[in-house]
Amino acid sequence: PSVTGGSSTSNMSLTVVYISFVYAFGKFLRLAFQDSSKRMPYEELEDTKLLMDLCDGIYISRKAGQLRREDKLYYELIHIYRSPELLYDVSRRTRGSRGAGHSQSPSRHASTLLDPDLSPTGGGLR
């Protein structure tokens, strides 16, 4: 039995383990950052209070059995998420505020959210 034959096998297996580890780590990093540019508009919103209120309105409408109102609110939410300009407009803060909850008054794009017919407390929920 040769002494050098055993050490070359251990060197080979150590190299395989090292390459496998580097490959797995690279694959993990790739999965973590894959499509990050597509997720950025949704993950980097400044103030999501209005969007959360809309989601709460959908939930309240469903619980109250007002399915038409729920449907209108749901499609309004989908409309906002499909338009990057509208999504930005609805979720931006005022220029002077730094804290959460200081949202700017909605612009003409967001005015449909203030429709009393779409309000979760409007109509039969009072």
C-alpha atoms as a PDB file:
ATOM      1  CA  PRO A   1       0.000   0.000   0.000  1.00  0.00           C
ATOM      2  CA  SER A   2       1.273   3.339  -1.040  1.00  0.00           C
ATOM      3  CA  VAL A   3       1.091   6.259   1.411  1.00  0.00           C
ATOM      4  CA  THR A   4       0.739   8.845  -1.379  1.00  0.00           C
ATOM      5  CA  GLY A   5      -2.284   7.107  -2.916  1.00  0.00           C
ATOM      6  CA  GLY A   6      -4.399   7.632   0.210  1.00  0.00           C
ATOM      7  CA  SER A   7      -3.572  11.317   0.514  1.00  0.00           C
ATOM      8  CA  SER A   8      -4.446  12.056  -3.105  1.00  0.00           C
ATOM      9  CA  THR A   9      -7.883  10.542  -2.542  1.00  0.00           C
ATOM     10  CA  SER A  10      -8.447  12.719   0.530  1.00  0.00           C
ATOM     11  CA  ASN A  11      -7.226  15.792  -1.355  1.00  0.00           C
ATOM     12  CA  MET A  12      -9.621  14.954  -4.184  1.00  0.00           C
ATOM     13  CA  SER A  13     -12.579  14.521  -1.812  1.00  0.00           C
ATOM     14  CA  LEU A  14     -11.730  17.768  -0.002  1.00  0.00           C
ATOM     15  CA  THR A  15     -11.659  19.574  -3.346  1.00  0.00           C
ATOM     16  CA  VAL A  16     -15.043  18.106  -4.298  1.00  0.00           C
ATOM     17  CA  VAL A  17     -16.549  19.192  -0.945  1.00  0.00           C
ATOM     18  CA  TYR A  18     -15.099  22.693  -1.368  1.00  0.00           C
ATOM     19  CA  ILE A  19     -16.399  23.038  -4.939  1.00  0.00           C
ATOM     20  CA  SER A  20     -19.820  21.727  -3.894  1.00  0.00           C
ATOM     21  CA  PHE A  21     -19.986  24.227  -1.029  1.00  0.00           C
ATOM     22  CA  VAL A  22     -18.991  27.163  -3.250  1.00  0.00           C
ATOM     23  CA  TYR A  23     -21.507  26.071  -5.892  1.00  0.00           C
ATOM     24  CA  ALA A  24     -24.323  25.735  -3.330  1.00  0.00           C
ATOM     25  CA  PHE A  25     -23.505  29.110  -1.782  1.00  0.00           C
ATOM     26  CA  GLY A  26     -23.486  30.750  -5.217  1.00  0.00           C
ATOM     27  CA  LYS A  27     -26.794  29.135  -6.073  1.00  0.00           C
ATOM     28  CA  PHE A  28     -28.293  30.419  -2.802  1.00  0.00           C
ATOM     29  CA  LEU A  29     -27.112  33.977  -3.506  1.00  0.00           C
ATOM     30  CA  ARG A  30     -28.494  33.802  -6.998  1.00  0.00           C
ATOM     31  CA  LEU A  31     -31.907  32.698  -5.718  1.00  0.00           C
ATOM     32  CA  ALA A  32     -31.905  35.417  -3.061  1.00  0.00           C
ATOM     33  CA  PHE A  33     -31.316  38.211  -5.568  1.00  0.00           C
ATOM     34  CA  GLN A  34     -33.097  36.779  -8.595  1.00  0.00           C
ATOM     35  CA  ASP A  35     -35.676  39.202 -10.059  1.00  0.00           C
ATOM     36  CA  SER A  36     -34.902  41.793  -7.384  1.00  0.00           C
ATOM     37  CA  SER A  37     -35.400  44.560  -9.943  1.00  0.00           C
ATOM     38  CA  LYS A  38     -38.947  43.332 -10.528  1.00  0.00           C
ATOM     39  CA  ARG A  39     -39.748  43.233  -6.793  1.00  0.00           C
ATOM     40  CA  MET A  40     -38.210  46.622  -5.985  1.00  0.00           C
ATOM     41  CA  PRO A  41     -41.239  48.824  -6.777  1.00  0.00           C
ATOM     42  CA  TYR A  42     -43.312  46.837  -4.293  1.00  0.00           C
ATOM     43  CA  GLU A  43     -40.710  46.404  -1.561  1.00  0.00           C
ATOM     44  CA  GLU A  44     -39.460  49.996  -1.509  1.00  0.00           C
ATOM     45  CA  LEU A  45     -42.765  51.838  -1.086  1.00  0.00           C
ATOM     46  CA  GLU A  46     -42.516  54.818   1.250  1.00  0.00           C
ATOM     47  CA  ASP A  47     -45.909  54.828   2.978  1.00  0.00           C
ATOM     48  CA  THR A  48     -48.315  51.934   2.574  1.00  0.00           C
ATOM     49  CA  LYS A  49     -51.018  53.197   4.943  1.00  0.00           C
ATOM     50  CA  LEU A  50     -53.506  53.928   2.158  1.00  0.00           C
ATOM     51  CA  LEU A  51     -52.920  50.511   0.594  1.00  0.00           C
ATOM     52  CA  MET A  52     -53.360  48.816   3.969  1.00  0.00           C
ATOM     53  CA  ASP A  53     -56.587  50.762   4.518  1.00  0.00           C
ATOM     54  CA  LEU A  54     -57.807  49.524   1.150  1.00  0.00           C
ATOM     55  CA  CYS A  55     -56.992  45.930   2.132  1.00  0.00           C
ATOM     56  CA  ASP A  56     -58.784  46.439   5.440  1.00  0.00           C
ATOM     57  CA  GLY A  57     -61.772  47.786   3.532  1.00  0.00           C
ATOM     58  CA  ILE A  58     -61.840  44.648   1.392  1.00  0.00           C
ATOM     59  CA  TYR A  59     -61.739  42.488   4.524  1.00  0.00           C
ATOM     60  CA  ILE A  60     -64.460  44.495   6.313  1.00  0.00           C
ATOM     61  CA  SER A  61     -66.687  44.435   3.240  1.00  0.00           C
ATOM     62  CA  ARG A  62     -66.369  40.660   3.009  1.00  0.00           C
ATOM     63  CA  LYS A  63     -67.139  40.181   6.702  1.00  0.00           C
ATOM     64  CA  ALA A  64     -70.187  42.459   6.395  1.00  0.00           C
ATOM     65  CA  GLY A  65     -71.454  40.519   3.389  1.00  0.00           C
ATOM     66  CA  GLN A  66     -71.155  43.478   1.035  1.00  0.00           C
ATOM     67  CA  LEU A  67     -69.686  41.555  -1.843  1.00  0.00           C
ATOM     68  CA  ARG A  68     -70.220  44.248  -4.479  1.00  0.00           C
ATOM     69  CA  ARG A  69     -68.271  46.755  -2.403  1.00  0.00           C
ATOM     70  CA  GLU A  70     -65.592  44.126  -1.797  1.00  0.00           C
ATOM     71  CA  ASP A  71     -65.371  43.503  -5.527  1.00  0.00           C
ATOM     72  CA  LYS A  72     -65.010  47.230  -6.280  1.00  0.00           C
ATOM     73  CA  LEU A  73     -62.312  47.683  -3.642  1.00  0.00           C
ATOM     74  CA  TYR A  74     -60.447  44.588  -4.837  1.00  0.00           C
ATOM     75  CA  TYR A  75     -60.378  45.758  -8.441  1.00  0.00           C
ATOM     76  CA  GLU A  76     -59.286  49.222  -7.289  1.00  0.00           C
ATOM     77  CA  LEU A  77     -56.347  47.593  -5.451  1.00  0.00           C
ATOM     78  CA  ILE A  78     -55.443  45.570  -8.552  1.00  0.00           C
ATOM     79  CA  HIS A  79     -55.675  48.732 -10.662  1.00  0.00           C
ATOM     80  CA  ILE A  80     -53.220  50.484  -8.339  1.00  0.00           C
ATOM     81  CA  TYR A  81     -50.720  47.604  -8.369  1.00  0.00           C
ATOM     82  CA  ARG A  82     -50.801  47.368 -12.167  1.00  0.00           C
ATOM     83  CA  SER A  83     -49.879  51.036 -12.606  1.00  0.00           C
ATOM     84  CA  PRO A  84     -46.393  51.917 -11.295  1.00  0.00           C
ATOM     85  CA  GLU A  85     -47.134  55.644 -11.507  1.00  0.00           C
ATOM     86  CA  LEU A  86     -50.344  55.273  -9.510  1.00  0.00           C
ATOM     87  CA  LEU A  87     -48.667  52.954  -6.992  1.00  0.00           C
ATOM     88  CA  TYR A  88     -45.928  55.514  -6.424  1.00  0.00           C
ATOM     89  CA  ASP A  89     -48.445  58.338  -6.195  1.00  0.00           C
ATOM     90  CA  VAL A  90     -50.579  56.531  -3.618  1.00  0.00           C
ATOM     91  CA  SER A  91     -47.643  55.513  -1.437  1.00  0.00           C
ATOM     92  CA  ARG A  92     -45.424  58.594  -1.363  1.00  0.00           C
ATOM     93  CA  ARG A  93     -44.802  60.763   1.696  1.00  0.00           C
ATOM     94  CA  THR A  94     -44.703  64.498   1.951  1.00  0.00           C
ATOM     95  CA  ARG A  95     -41.311  65.982   1.226  1.00  0.00           C
ATOM     96  CA  GLY A  96     -40.842  67.439   4.704  1.00  0.00           C
ATOM     97  CA  SER A  97     -41.757  64.359   6.738  1.00  0.00           C
ATOM     98  CA  ARG A  98     -39.439  61.535   7.623  1.00  0.00           C
ATOM     99  CA  GLY A  99     -41.573  59.463   9.959  1.00  0.00           C
ATOM    100  CA  ALA A 100     -44.136  56.868   8.986  1.00  0.00           C
ATOM    101  CA  GLY A 101     -47.748  57.895   8.770  1.00  0.00           C
ATOM    102  CA  HIS A 102     -47.195  61.349   7.280  1.00  0.00           C
ATOM    103  CA  SER A 103     -48.651  60.695   3.904  1.00  0.00           C
ATOM    104  CA  GLN A 104     -49.191  63.368   1.328  1.00  0.00           C
ATOM    105  CA  SER A 105     -52.705  64.220   0.303  1.00  0.00           C
ATOM    106  CA  PRO A 106     -53.628  61.999  -2.625  1.00  0.00           C
ATOM    107  CA  SER A 107     -53.374  63.438  -6.098  1.00  0.00           C
ATOM    108  CA  ARG A 108     -55.823  63.138  -8.948  1.00  0.00           C
ATOM    109  CA  HIS A 109     -54.779  59.491  -9.488  1.00  0.00           C
ATOM    110  CA  ALA A 110     -55.641  58.502  -5.947  1.00  0.00           C
ATOM    111  CA  SER A 111     -58.929  60.414  -5.823  1.00  0.00           C
ATOM    112  CA  THR A 112     -60.886  57.295  -6.731  1.00  0.00           C
ATOM    113  CA  LEU A 113     -59.901  55.813  -3.376  1.00  0.00           C
ATOM    114  CA  LEU A 114     -61.756  58.590  -1.598  1.00  0.00           C
ATOM    115  CA  ASP A 115     -65.064  57.768  -3.264  1.00  0.00           C
ATOM    116  CA  PRO A 116     -67.640  57.383  -0.443  1.00  0.00           C
ATOM    117  CA  ASP A 117     -69.356  54.561  -2.321  1.00  0.00           C
ATOM    118  CA  LEU A 118     -66.127  52.535  -2.108  1.00  0.00           C
ATOM    119  CA  SER A 119     -65.491  53.373   1.530  1.00  0.00           C
ATOM    120  CA  PRO A 120     -65.773  50.345   3.809  1.00  0.00           C
ATOM    121  CA  THR A 121     -67.698  52.441   6.350  1.00  0.00           C
ATOM    122  CA  GLY A 122     -69.961  54.007   3.764  1.00  0.00           C
ATOM    123  CA  GLY A 123     -73.410  52.662   3.028  1.00  0.00           C
ATOM    124  CA  GLY A 124     -74.568  49.803   5.226  1.00  0.00           C
ATOM    125  CA  LEU A 125     -71.601  49.409   7.562  1.00  0.00           C
ATOM    126  CA  ARG A 126     -72.419  52.264   9.943  1.00  0.00           C
END
